[in-house]
Protein backbone atom coordinates (compact mmCIF):
# COMPACT_ATOMS: atom_id res chain seq x y z
CA MET A 1 -27.18 -18.75 6.27
CA LEU A 2 -25.56 -21.81 7.49
CA LEU A 3 -23.52 -21.93 5.04
CA LEU A 4 -21.25 -18.29 5.82
CA PRO A 5 -18.84 -19.74 8.09
CA LEU A 6 -17.92 -22.08 5.13
CA LEU A 7 -18.04 -19.20 2.44
CA GLY A 8 -15.98 -17.11 5.24
CA ARG A 9 -12.88 -20.14 5.54
CA TRP A 10 -13.07 -20.26 1.77
CA LEU A 11 -12.85 -16.76 1.30
CA ARG A 12 -9.96 -15.14 3.60
CA MET A 13 -8.69 -11.21 4.37
CA PRO A 14 -5.33 -11.31 2.84
CA ALA A 15 -3.35 -11.71 5.78
CA ILE A 16 -0.68 -8.23 7.27
CA THR A 17 1.92 -8.93 8.31
CA GLU A 18 4.11 -7.41 11.24
CA ARG A 19 6.44 -4.25 10.39
CA GLY A 20 8.08 -3.30 13.47
CA ASP A 21 9.45 0.18 13.09
CA ASP A 22 8.55 1.02 9.83
CA ALA A 23 4.43 0.89 12.01
CA ASP A 24 5.70 4.60 13.82
CA MET A 25 6.08 5.55 9.93
CA LEU A 26 2.84 4.67 8.57
CA ALA A 27 0.59 5.85 12.00
CA ASP A 28 -2.31 7.82 11.57
CA PRO A 29 -2.39 11.14 11.09
CA LYS A 30 -2.82 13.83 13.36
CA VAL A 31 -6.45 15.67 13.23
CA ARG A 32 -6.99 19.13 13.80
CA LEU A 33 -10.95 18.58 12.34
CA PRO A 34 -13.26 17.64 15.03
CA LEU A 35 -15.03 14.24 13.19
CA THR A 36 -18.39 13.37 13.60
CA CYS A 37 -20.99 10.91 11.56
CA ARG A 38 -21.88 13.72 9.59
CA SER A 39 -18.07 14.96 8.60
CA GLY A 40 -17.05 12.98 5.40
CA PRO A 41 -16.44 12.55 2.14
CA LEU A 42 -12.94 13.68 3.41
CA VAL A 43 -9.59 13.67 1.44
CA VAL A 44 -6.08 12.76 3.35
CA GLU A 45 -2.82 13.46 1.90
CA LEU A 46 0.42 12.30 3.10
CA ASP A 47 3.47 12.72 1.60
CA TYR A 48 6.91 10.62 1.83
CA ARG A 49 10.22 11.49 1.04
CA VAL A 50 11.96 8.44 0.37
CA ALA A 51 15.46 7.85 -1.30
CA SER A 52 16.02 6.50 -4.27
CA GLU A 53 17.61 3.30 -3.81
CA ASN A 54 14.40 2.54 -1.32
CA ALA A 55 11.75 3.72 -3.80
CA ARG A 56 11.18 -0.26 -4.70
CA ALA A 57 10.84 -1.16 -1.36
CA PHE A 58 8.88 1.54 -0.31
CA ASP A 59 6.33 1.18 -3.27
CA ASN A 60 5.94 -2.61 -1.38
CA LEU A 61 5.34 -1.52 1.36
CA MET A 62 2.82 1.11 0.30
CA GLN A 63 0.71 -1.99 -1.53
CA ASP A 64 0.72 -3.47 1.73
CA VAL A 65 -1.08 0.11 3.67
CA GLN A 66 -3.13 0.35 1.30
CA LEU A 67 -4.91 -2.69 2.74
CA TYR A 68 -4.73 -1.83 5.86
CA ARG A 69 -6.34 1.51 4.54
CA ARG A 70 -9.65 0.32 2.67
CA ARG A 71 -9.72 -2.56 5.54
CA ASN A 72 -10.45 0.86 7.85
CA GLY A 73 -12.61 2.28 5.51
CA ALA A 74 -10.99 3.73 2.25
CA TYR A 75 -12.89 3.76 -0.67
CA GLY A 76 -10.25 5.23 -2.52
CA TRP A 77 -6.48 4.97 -1.88
CA SER A 78 -3.40 5.58 -4.64
CA ILE A 79 0.48 6.31 -4.00
CA ALA A 80 1.78 8.83 -6.44
CA ARG A 81 5.80 10.16 -6.96
CA ASP A 82 6.33 13.18 -8.18
CA ILE A 83 8.16 13.63 -11.44
CA ALA A 84 9.70 16.96 -10.62
CA ASP A 85 10.90 15.79 -7.55
CA PRO A 86 11.51 11.59 -7.49
CA GLU A 87 12.22 11.53 -3.57
CA LEU A 88 8.70 13.08 -2.83
CA TRP A 89 5.92 10.25 -2.59
CA THR A 90 2.17 11.23 -1.81
CA GLU A 91 -0.58 8.84 -0.54
CA ARG A 92 -4.25 9.98 -0.94
């Protein structure tokens, strides 16, 4: 038990950087269902429309979002691009 603080210094959590205006785009979704401790498991899907020239930057940003979502309790996370509509991305 005395070694746990040393282990915590060695195994650090990944750093989350400030994104400025991007944080508004990634705000938590509106919830219409009253949630309790017995509500889960739940699936949340968010659709994003991203111009093709911004696709690589968006994908890189969403990898940081994955860390945020998992730290806040998500145990399954994915981002997918619609092959029929390349500007449509779905976070699940």
